[in-house]
Amino acid sequence: MPLHTFTRQELAHYDGRDGAPAYIAYLGQVYDVSRSYHWRNGDHWVRHQAGADLTADLAQAPHGAENLRSFPVVGILSDESNDGPPPIARLDLPGR
């Protein structure tokens, strides 16, 4: 089954608030972090909000991308500035 392609505008609806799932994007992949204690109500340590591309933010985090391997990938983030197909960046993590 092909993955859903999210625009940034569509991803913003998955902010974990009012019963919505909490999705975040990293390197073009969209992860469902809804079941994480650290993403309650879509907030992560009061610094980050679900429904956004956190690629740049993760570079500043005290942990690496390896924390994402426990979350399901639910789609890909489109590159809205490009008329072609969105880039897919593989996140090759140990244990995947």
PDB file of N, CA and C in Angstrom:
ATOM      1  N   MET A   1       0.837  -1.175   0.000  1.00  0.00           N
ATOM      2  CA  MET A   1       0.000   0.000   0.000  1.00  0.00           C
ATOM      3  C   MET A   1       0.887   1.244   0.000  1.00  0.00           C
ATOM      4  N   PRO A   2       0.661   2.180  -0.917  1.00  0.00           N
ATOM      5  CA  PRO A   2       1.487   3.390  -0.985  1.00  0.00           C
ATOM      6  C   PRO A   2       1.205   4.301   0.209  1.00  0.00           C
ATOM      7  N   LEU A   3       2.233   5.029   0.612  1.00  0.00           N
ATOM      8  CA  LEU A   3       2.095   5.955   1.728  1.00  0.00           C
ATOM      9  C   LEU A   3       1.339   7.209   1.286  1.00  0.00           C
ATOM     10  N   HIS A   4       0.624   7.792   2.206  1.00  0.00           N
ATOM     11  CA  HIS A   4      -0.094   9.037   1.937  1.00  0.00           C
ATOM     12  C   HIS A   4       0.919  10.174   1.789  1.00  0.00           C
ATOM     13  N   THR A   5       0.668  11.081   0.880  1.00  0.00           N
ATOM     14  CA  THR A   5       1.511  12.255   0.709  1.00  0.00           C
ATOM     15  C   THR A   5       0.817  13.439   1.375  1.00  0.00           C
ATOM     16  N   PHE A   6       1.487  14.029   2.348  1.00  0.00           N
ATOM     17  CA  PHE A   6       0.960  15.163   3.101  1.00  0.00           C
ATOM     18  C   PHE A   6       1.552  16.461   2.590  1.00  0.00           C
ATOM     19  N   THR A   7       0.728  17.487   2.468  1.00  0.00           N
ATOM     20  CA  THR A   7       1.246  18.842   2.296  1.00  0.00           C
ATOM     21  C   THR A   7       1.506  19.380   3.702  1.00  0.00           C
ATOM     22  N   ARG A   8       2.251  20.441   3.805  1.00  0.00           N
ATOM     23  CA  ARG A   8       2.485  21.051   5.119  1.00  0.00           C
ATOM     24  C   ARG A   8       1.167  21.524   5.736  1.00  0.00           C
ATOM     25  N   GLN A   9       0.283  22.037   4.896  1.00  0.00           N
ATOM     26  CA  GLN A   9      -1.019  22.500   5.374  1.00  0.00           C
ATOM     27  C   GLN A   9      -1.837  21.330   5.931  1.00  0.00           C
ATOM     28  N   GLU A  10      -1.824  20.214   5.245  1.00  0.00           N
ATOM     29  CA  GLU A  10      -2.549  19.041   5.718  1.00  0.00           C
ATOM     30  C   GLU A  10      -1.920  18.487   6.997  1.00  0.00           C
ATOM     31  N   LEU A  11      -0.592  18.417   7.046  1.00  0.00           N
ATOM     32  CA  LEU A  11       0.106  17.926   8.226  1.00  0.00           C
ATOM     33  C   LEU A  11      -0.263  18.742   9.462  1.00  0.00           C
ATOM     34  N   ALA A  12      -0.471  20.030   9.301  1.00  0.00           N
ATOM     35  CA  ALA A  12      -0.798  20.912  10.422  1.00  0.00           C
ATOM     36  C   ALA A  12      -2.084  20.494  11.135  1.00  0.00           C
ATOM     37  N   HIS A  13      -2.979  19.791  10.458  1.00  0.00           N
ATOM     38  CA  HIS A  13      -4.225  19.321  11.083  1.00  0.00           C
ATOM     39  C   HIS A  13      -3.969  18.180  12.067  1.00  0.00           C
ATOM     40  N   TYR A  14      -2.836  17.526  11.971  1.00  0.00           N
ATOM     41  CA  TYR A  14      -2.494  16.398  12.833  1.00  0.00           C
ATOM     42  C   TYR A  14      -1.612  16.883  13.984  1.00  0.00           C
ATOM     43  N   ASP A  15      -2.181  17.807  14.763  1.00  0.00           N
ATOM     44  CA  ASP A  15      -1.411  18.469  15.811  1.00  0.00           C
ATOM     45  C   ASP A  15      -1.593  17.855  17.197  1.00  0.00           C
ATOM     46  N   GLY A  16      -2.353  16.771  17.305  1.00  0.00           N
ATOM     47  CA  GLY A  16      -2.542  16.095  18.582  1.00  0.00           C
ATOM     48  C   GLY A  16      -3.530  16.766  19.514  1.00  0.00           C
ATOM     49  N   ARG A  17      -4.195  17.793  19.062  1.00  0.00           N
ATOM     50  CA  ARG A  17      -5.141  18.520  19.903  1.00  0.00           C
ATOM     51  C   ARG A  17      -6.577  18.095  19.594  1.00  0.00           C
ATOM     52  N   ASP A  18      -7.421  18.192  20.583  1.00  0.00           N
ATOM     53  CA  ASP A  18      -8.856  17.901  20.426  1.00  0.00           C
ATOM     54  C   ASP A  18      -9.110  16.540  19.800  1.00  0.00           C
ATOM     55  N   GLY A  19      -8.316  15.553  20.195  1.00  0.00           N
ATOM     56  CA  GLY A  19      -8.509  14.191  19.719  1.00  0.00           C
ATOM     57  C   GLY A  19      -7.853  13.862  18.388  1.00  0.00           C
ATOM     58  N   ALA A  20      -7.208  14.829  17.751  1.00  0.00           N
ATOM     59  CA  ALA A  20      -6.524  14.574  16.478  1.00  0.00           C
ATOM     60  C   ALA A  20      -5.247  13.775  16.736  1.00  0.00           C
ATOM     61  N   PRO A  21      -4.842  12.915  15.796  1.00  0.00           N
ATOM     62  CA  PRO A  21      -3.554  12.235  15.939  1.00  0.00           C
ATOM     63  C   PRO A  21      -2.409  13.253  15.930  1.00  0.00           C
ATOM     64  N   ALA A  22      -1.287  12.873  16.497  1.00  0.00           N
ATOM     65  CA  ALA A  22      -0.095  13.726  16.527  1.00  0.00           C
ATOM     66  C   ALA A  22       0.918  13.172  15.524  1.00  0.00           C
ATOM     67  N   TYR A  23       1.124  13.895  14.418  1.00  0.00           N
ATOM     68  CA  TYR A  23       2.083  13.507  13.388  1.00  0.00           C
ATOM     69  C   TYR A  23       3.185  14.555  13.327  1.00  0.00           C
ATOM     70  N   ILE A  24       4.398  14.084  13.082  1.00  0.00           N
ATOM     71  CA  ILE A  24       5.520  14.992  12.837  1.00  0.00           C
ATOM     72  C   ILE A  24       6.256  14.512  11.590  1.00  0.00           C
ATOM     73  N   ALA A  25       6.926  15.434  10.926  1.00  0.00           N
ATOM     74  CA  ALA A  25       7.720  15.077   9.752  1.00  0.00           C
ATOM     75  C   ALA A  25       9.194  15.232  10.080  1.00  0.00           C
ATOM     76  N   TYR A  26       9.989  14.325   9.497  1.00  0.00           N
ATOM     77  CA  TYR A  26      11.440  14.396   9.619  1.00  0.00           C
ATOM     78  C   TYR A  26      12.043  13.814   8.351  1.00  0.00           C
ATOM     79  N   LEU A  27      12.882  14.587   7.683  1.00  0.00           N
ATOM     80  CA  LEU A  27      13.545  14.177   6.436  1.00  0.00           C
ATOM     81  C   LEU A  27      12.566  13.601   5.421  1.00  0.00           C
ATOM     82  N   GLY A  28      11.405  14.237   5.302  1.00  0.00           N
ATOM     83  CA  GLY A  28      10.436  13.852   4.280  1.00  0.00           C
ATOM     84  C   GLY A  28       9.507  12.723   4.666  1.00  0.00           C
ATOM     85  N   GLN A  29       9.695  12.119   5.829  1.00  0.00           N
ATOM     86  CA  GLN A  29       8.798  11.060   6.279  1.00  0.00           C
ATOM     87  C   GLN A  29       7.910  11.603   7.391  1.00  0.00           C
ATOM     88  N   VAL A  30       6.665  11.129   7.429  1.00  0.00           N
ATOM     89  CA  VAL A  30       5.712  11.563   8.442  1.00  0.00           C
ATOM     90  C   VAL A  30       5.506  10.421   9.425  1.00  0.00           C
ATOM     91  N   TYR A  31       5.696  10.730  10.706  1.00  0.00           N
ATOM     92  CA  TYR A  31       5.614   9.734  11.778  1.00  0.00           C
ATOM     93  C   TYR A  31       4.396  10.002  12.656  1.00  0.00           C
ATOM     94  N   ASP A  32       3.757   8.934  13.128  1.00  0.00           N
ATOM     95  CA  ASP A  32       2.657   9.038  14.074  1.00  0.00           C
ATOM     96  C   ASP A  32       3.237   8.883  15.483  1.00  0.00           C
ATOM     97  N   VAL A  33       3.269   9.978  16.228  1.00  0.00           N
ATOM     98  CA  VAL A  33       3.818   9.960  17.586  1.00  0.00           C
ATOM     99  C   VAL A  33       2.706  10.037  18.639  1.00  0.00           C
ATOM    100  N   SER A  34       1.478   9.759  18.220  1.00  0.00           N
ATOM    101  CA  SER A  34       0.301   9.899  19.077  1.00  0.00           C
ATOM    102  C   SER A  34       0.387   9.106  20.370  1.00  0.00           C
ATOM    103  N   ARG A  35       0.977   7.945  20.343  1.00  0.00           N
ATOM    104  CA  ARG A  35       1.008   7.079  21.533  1.00  0.00           C
ATOM    105  C   ARG A  35       2.168   7.378  22.482  1.00  0.00           C
ATOM    106  N   SER A  36       2.976   8.338  22.143  1.00  0.00           N
ATOM    107  CA  SER A  36       4.126   8.662  22.984  1.00  0.00           C
ATOM    108  C   SER A  36       3.723   9.552  24.158  1.00  0.00           C
ATOM    109  N   TYR A  37       4.162   9.173  25.330  1.00  0.00           N
ATOM    110  CA  TYR A  37       3.972   9.981  26.532  1.00  0.00           C
ATOM    111  C   TYR A  37       4.595  11.374  26.340  1.00  0.00           C
ATOM    112  N   HIS A  38       5.672  11.434  25.593  1.00  0.00           N
ATOM    113  CA  HIS A  38       6.393  12.695  25.387  1.00  0.00           C
ATOM    114  C   HIS A  38       5.724  13.618  24.375  1.00  0.00           C
ATOM    115  N   TRP A  39       4.628  13.156  23.762  1.00  0.00           N
ATOM    116  CA  TRP A  39       3.895  13.969  22.794  1.00  0.00           C
ATOM    117  C   TRP A  39       2.431  14.145  23.209  1.00  0.00           C
ATOM    118  N   ARG A  40       2.156  14.136  24.517  1.00  0.00           N
ATOM    119  CA  ARG A  40       0.781  14.304  24.995  1.00  0.00           C
ATOM    120  C   ARG A  40       0.182  15.597  24.457  1.00  0.00           C
ATOM    121  N   ASN A  41      -1.031  15.494  23.945  1.00  0.00           N
ATOM    122  CA  ASN A  41      -1.754  16.649  23.385  1.00  0.00           C
ATOM    123  C   ASN A  41      -0.961  17.352  22.282  1.00  0.00           C
ATOM    124  N   GLY A  42      -0.024  16.639  21.664  1.00  0.00           N
ATOM    125  CA  GLY A  42       0.730  17.191  20.550  1.00  0.00           C
ATOM    126  C   GLY A  42       1.900  18.065  20.933  1.00  0.00           C
ATOM    127  N   ASP A  43       2.155  18.214  22.225  1.00  0.00           N
ATOM    128  CA  ASP A  43       3.276  19.039  22.687  1.00  0.00           C
ATOM    129  C   ASP A  43       4.437  18.157  23.127  1.00  0.00           C
ATOM    130  N   HIS A  44       5.645  18.554  22.749  1.00  0.00           N
ATOM    131  CA  HIS A  44       6.848  17.830  23.149  1.00  0.00           C
ATOM    132  C   HIS A  44       7.723  18.765  23.966  1.00  0.00           C
ATOM    133  N   TRP A  45       7.732  18.540  25.264  1.00  0.00           N
ATOM    134  CA  TRP A  45       8.547  19.321  26.195  1.00  0.00           C
ATOM    135  C   TRP A  45       8.331  20.832  26.043  1.00  0.00           C
ATOM    136  N   VAL A  46       7.136  21.231  25.727  1.00  0.00           N
ATOM    137  CA  VAL A  46       6.740  22.627  25.611  1.00  0.00           C
ATOM    138  C   VAL A  46       7.535  23.396  24.541  1.00  0.00           C
ATOM    139  N   ARG A  47       8.348  22.713  23.784  1.00  0.00           N
ATOM    140  CA  ARG A  47       9.167  23.369  22.754  1.00  0.00           C
ATOM    141  C   ARG A  47       8.704  23.083  21.344  1.00  0.00           C
ATOM    142  N   HIS A  48       8.048  21.945  21.145  1.00  0.00           N
ATOM    143  CA  HIS A  48       7.676  21.531  19.789  1.00  0.00           C
ATOM    144  C   HIS A  48       6.213  21.127  19.750  1.00  0.00           C
ATOM    145  N   GLN A  49       5.573  21.384  18.628  1.00  0.00           N
ATOM    146  CA  GLN A  49       4.177  21.053  18.443  1.00  0.00           C
ATOM    147  C   GLN A  49       4.061  20.070  17.277  1.00  0.00           C
ATOM    148  N   ALA A  50       3.260  19.043  17.475  1.00  0.00           N
ATOM    149  CA  ALA A  50       2.981  18.103  16.388  1.00  0.00           C
ATOM    150  C   ALA A  50       2.269  18.855  15.261  1.00  0.00           C
ATOM    151  N   GLY A  51       2.282  18.246  14.096  1.00  0.00           N
ATOM    152  CA  GLY A  51       1.670  18.863  12.933  1.00  0.00           C
ATOM    153  C   GLY A  51       2.653  19.685  12.129  1.00  0.00           C
ATOM    154  N   ALA A  52       3.946  19.455  12.360  1.00  0.00           N
ATOM    155  CA  ALA A  52       4.978  20.269  11.708  1.00  0.00           C
ATOM    156  C   ALA A  52       6.149  19.408  11.257  1.00  0.00           C
ATOM    157  N   ASP A  53       6.946  19.996  10.374  1.00  0.00           N
ATOM    158  CA  ASP A  53       8.203  19.376   9.945  1.00  0.00           C
ATOM    159  C   ASP A  53       9.262  19.772  10.971  1.00  0.00           C
ATOM    160  N   LEU A  54       9.793  18.788  11.684  1.00  0.00           N
ATOM    161  CA  LEU A  54      10.767  19.052  12.737  1.00  0.00           C
ATOM    162  C   LEU A  54      12.193  18.677  12.341  1.00  0.00           C
ATOM    163  N   THR A  55      12.452  18.612  11.054  1.00  0.00           N
ATOM    164  CA  THR A  55      13.786  18.236  10.579  1.00  0.00           C
ATOM    165  C   THR A  55      14.857  19.161  11.148  1.00  0.00           C
ATOM    166  N   ALA A  56      14.676  20.452  11.043  1.00  0.00           N
ATOM    167  CA  ALA A  56      15.679  21.400  11.546  1.00  0.00           C
ATOM    168  C   ALA A  56      15.752  21.360  13.065  1.00  0.00           C
ATOM    169  N   ASP A  57      14.614  21.190  13.715  1.00  0.00           N
ATOM    170  CA  ASP A  57      14.584  21.175  15.178  1.00  0.00           C
ATOM    171  C   ASP A  57      15.317  19.977  15.755  1.00  0.00           C
ATOM    172  N   LEU A  58      15.254  18.843  15.085  1.00  0.00           N
ATOM    173  CA  LEU A  58      15.896  17.635  15.619  1.00  0.00           C
ATOM    174  C   LEU A  58      17.413  17.790  15.678  1.00  0.00           C
ATOM    175  N   ALA A  59      17.959  18.615  14.813  1.00  0.00           N
ATOM    176  CA  ALA A  59      19.406  18.854  14.841  1.00  0.00           C
ATOM    177  C   ALA A  59      19.827  19.537  16.141  1.00  0.00           C
ATOM    178  N   GLN A  60      18.908  20.224  16.797  1.00  0.00           N
ATOM    179  CA  GLN A  60      19.190  20.932  18.047  1.00  0.00           C
ATOM    180  C   GLN A  60      18.765  20.133  19.277  1.00  0.00           C
ATOM    181  N   ALA A  61      18.146  18.970  19.069  1.00  0.00           N
ATOM    182  CA  ALA A  61      17.611  18.177  20.181  1.00  0.00           C
ATOM    183  C   ALA A  61      18.717  17.464  20.955  1.00  0.00           C
ATOM    184  N   PRO A  62      18.455  17.140  22.217  1.00  0.00           N
ATOM    185  CA  PRO A  62      19.441  16.416  23.013  1.00  0.00           C
ATOM    186  C   PRO A  62      19.507  14.925  22.672  1.00  0.00           C
ATOM    187  N   HIS A  63      18.678  14.498  21.729  1.00  0.00           N
ATOM    188  CA  HIS A  63      18.693  13.106  21.263  1.00  0.00           C
ATOM    189  C   HIS A  63      18.731  13.115  19.744  1.00  0.00           C
ATOM    190  N   GLY A  64      19.022  11.991  19.163  1.00  0.00           N
ATOM    191  CA  GLY A  64      19.100  11.895  17.714  1.00  0.00           C
ATOM    192  C   GLY A  64      17.853  11.291  17.094  1.00  0.00           C
ATOM    193  N   ALA A  65      17.918  11.095  15.802  1.00  0.00           N
ATOM    194  CA  ALA A  65      16.794  10.559  15.037  1.00  0.00           C
ATOM    195  C   ALA A  65      16.482   9.110  15.389  1.00  0.00           C
ATOM    196  N   GLU A  66      17.383   8.443  16.102  1.00  0.00           N
ATOM    197  CA  GLU A  66      17.138   7.043  16.465  1.00  0.00           C
ATOM    198  C   GLU A  66      15.865   6.900  17.296  1.00  0.00           C
ATOM    199  N   ASN A  67      15.440   7.956  17.983  1.00  0.00           N
ATOM    200  CA  ASN A  67      14.205   7.904  18.770  1.00  0.00           C
ATOM    201  C   ASN A  67      12.969   7.723  17.890  1.00  0.00           C
ATOM    202  N   LEU A  68      13.068   8.050  16.632  1.00  0.00           N
ATOM    203  CA  LEU A  68      11.914   7.936  15.739  1.00  0.00           C
ATOM    204  C   LEU A  68      11.646   6.506  15.283  1.00  0.00           C
ATOM    205  N   ARG A  69      12.595   5.613  15.426  1.00  0.00           N
ATOM    206  CA  ARG A  69      12.424   4.264  14.884  1.00  0.00           C
ATOM    207  C   ARG A  69      11.277   3.493  15.529  1.00  0.00           C
ATOM    208  N   SER A  70      10.842   3.887  16.709  1.00  0.00           N
ATOM    209  CA  SER A  70       9.746   3.185  17.379  1.00  0.00           C
ATOM    210  C   SER A  70       8.366   3.680  16.937  1.00  0.00           C
ATOM    211  N   PHE A  71       8.328   4.685  16.083  1.00  0.00           N
ATOM    212  CA  PHE A  71       7.054   5.239  15.633  1.00  0.00           C
ATOM    213  C   PHE A  71       6.752   4.823  14.195  1.00  0.00           C
ATOM    214  N   PRO A  72       5.481   4.549  13.908  1.00  0.00           N
ATOM    215  CA  PRO A  72       5.134   4.153  12.547  1.00  0.00           C
ATOM    216  C   PRO A  72       5.228   5.322  11.562  1.00  0.00           C
ATOM    217  N   VAL A  73       5.711   5.024  10.366  1.00  0.00           N
ATOM    218  CA  VAL A  73       5.718   5.999   9.275  1.00  0.00           C
ATOM    219  C   VAL A  73       4.347   5.916   8.620  1.00  0.00           C
ATOM    220  N   VAL A  74       3.640   7.052   8.560  1.00  0.00           N
ATOM    221  CA  VAL A  74       2.285   7.067   8.009  1.00  0.00           C
ATOM    222  C   VAL A  74       2.207   7.778   6.674  1.00  0.00           C
ATOM    223  N   GLY A  75       3.303   8.372   6.231  1.00  0.00           N
ATOM    224  CA  GLY A  75       3.273   9.063   4.953  1.00  0.00           C
ATOM    225  C   GLY A  75       4.572   9.763   4.650  1.00  0.00           C
ATOM    226  N   ILE A  76       4.518  10.563   3.606  1.00  0.00           N
ATOM    227  CA  ILE A  76       5.660  11.376   3.197  1.00  0.00           C
ATOM    228  C   ILE A  76       5.205  12.822   3.083  1.00  0.00           C
ATOM    229  N   LEU A  77       6.123  13.732   3.296  1.00  0.00           N
ATOM    230  CA  LEU A  77       5.834  15.157   3.206  1.00  0.00           C
ATOM    231  C   LEU A  77       6.180  15.634   1.812  1.00  0.00           C
ATOM    232  N   SER A  78       5.209  16.274   1.162  1.00  0.00           N
ATOM    233  CA  SER A  78       5.468  16.742  -0.202  1.00  0.00           C
ATOM    234  C   SER A  78       6.348  17.978  -0.179  1.00  0.00           C
ATOM    235  N   ASP A  79       7.069  18.142  -1.263  1.00  0.00           N
ATOM    236  CA  ASP A  79       7.873  19.347  -1.464  1.00  0.00           C
ATOM    237  C   ASP A  79       7.008  20.270  -2.306  1.00  0.00           C
ATOM    238  N   GLU A  80       6.260  21.135  -1.653  1.00  0.00           N
ATOM    239  CA  GLU A  80       5.288  21.979  -2.343  1.00  0.00           C
ATOM    240  C   GLU A  80       5.928  22.984  -3.282  1.00  0.00           C
ATOM    241  N   SER A  81       7.228  23.206  -3.138  1.00  0.00           N
ATOM    242  CA  SER A  81       7.901  24.168  -4.010  1.00  0.00           C
ATOM    243  C   SER A  81       8.312  23.540  -5.333  1.00  0.00           C
ATOM    244  N   ASN A  82       8.089  22.251  -5.480  1.00  0.00           N
ATOM    245  CA  ASN A  82       8.503  21.524  -6.668  1.00  0.00           C
ATOM    246  C   ASN A  82       7.277  20.883  -7.305  1.00  0.00           C
ATOM    247  N   ASP A  83       7.115  21.009  -8.612  1.00  0.00           N
ATOM    248  CA  ASP A  83       5.973  20.416  -9.292  1.00  0.00           C
ATOM    249  C   ASP A  83       6.135  18.920  -9.511  1.00  0.00           C
ATOM    250  N   GLY A  84       7.323  18.406  -9.335  1.00  0.00           N
ATOM    251  CA  GLY A  84       7.576  16.986  -9.521  1.00  0.00           C
ATOM    252  C   GLY A  84       7.196  16.193  -8.287  1.00  0.00           C
ATOM    253  N   PRO A  85       7.494  14.897  -8.302  1.00  0.00           N
ATOM    254  CA  PRO A  85       7.175  14.078  -7.126  1.00  0.00           C
ATOM    255  C   PRO A  85       8.013  14.503  -5.934  1.00  0.00           C
ATOM    256  N   PRO A  86       7.463  14.327  -4.714  1.00  0.00           N
ATOM    257  CA  PRO A  86       8.204  14.746  -3.525  1.00  0.00           C
ATOM    258  C   PRO A  86       9.423  13.874  -3.305  1.00  0.00           C
ATOM    259  N   PRO A  87      10.481  14.469  -2.750  1.00  0.00           N
ATOM    260  CA  PRO A  87      11.661  13.665  -2.437  1.00  0.00           C
ATOM    261  C   PRO A  87      11.363  12.762  -1.247  1.00  0.00           C
ATOM    262  N   ILE A  88      11.919  11.588  -1.250  1.00  0.00           N
ATOM    263  CA  ILE A  88      11.770  10.678  -0.127  1.00  0.00           C
ATOM    264  C   ILE A  88      13.158  10.439   0.442  1.00  0.00           C
ATOM    265  N   ALA A  89      13.355  10.901   1.645  1.00  0.00           N
ATOM    266  CA  ALA A  89      14.636  10.696   2.315  1.00  0.00           C
ATOM    267  C   ALA A  89      14.498   9.484   3.217  1.00  0.00           C
ATOM    268  N   ARG A  90      15.278   8.467   2.974  1.00  0.00           N
ATOM    269  CA  ARG A  90      15.222   7.264   3.805  1.00  0.00           C
ATOM    270  C   ARG A  90      15.937   7.529   5.109  1.00  0.00           C
ATOM    271  N   LEU A  91      15.290   7.149   6.155  1.00  0.00           N
ATOM    272  CA  LEU A  91      15.891   7.270   7.471  1.00  0.00           C
ATOM    273  C   LEU A  91      16.358   5.878   7.846  1.00  0.00           C
ATOM    274  N   ASP A  92      17.615   5.579   7.558  1.00  0.00           N
ATOM    275  CA  ASP A  92      18.160   4.269   7.834  1.00  0.00           C
ATOM    276  C   ASP A  92      18.711   4.240   9.255  1.00  0.00           C
ATOM    277  N   LEU A  93      17.899   3.709  10.132  1.00  0.00           N
ATOM    278  CA  LEU A  93      18.272   3.635  11.529  1.00  0.00           C
ATOM    279  C   LEU A  93      18.587   2.183  11.893  1.00  0.00           C
ATOM    280  N   PRO A  94      19.467   2.001  12.821  1.00  0.00           N
ATOM    281  CA  PRO A  94      19.744   0.629  13.268  1.00  0.00           C
ATOM    282  C   PRO A  94      18.471  -0.028  13.778  1.00  0.00           C
ATOM    283  N   GLY A  95      18.275  -1.272  13.437  1.00  0.00           N
ATOM    284  CA  GLY A  95      17.106  -2.008  13.910  1.00  0.00           C
ATOM    285  C   GLY A  95      15.881  -1.850  13.067  1.00  0.00           C
ATOM    286  N   ARG A  96      15.981  -1.163  11.956  1.00  0.00           N
ATOM    287  CA  ARG A  96      14.816  -0.974  11.087  1.00  0.00           C
ATOM    288  C   ARG A  96      14.854  -1.930   9.949  1.00  0.00           C
TER     289      ARG A  96
END
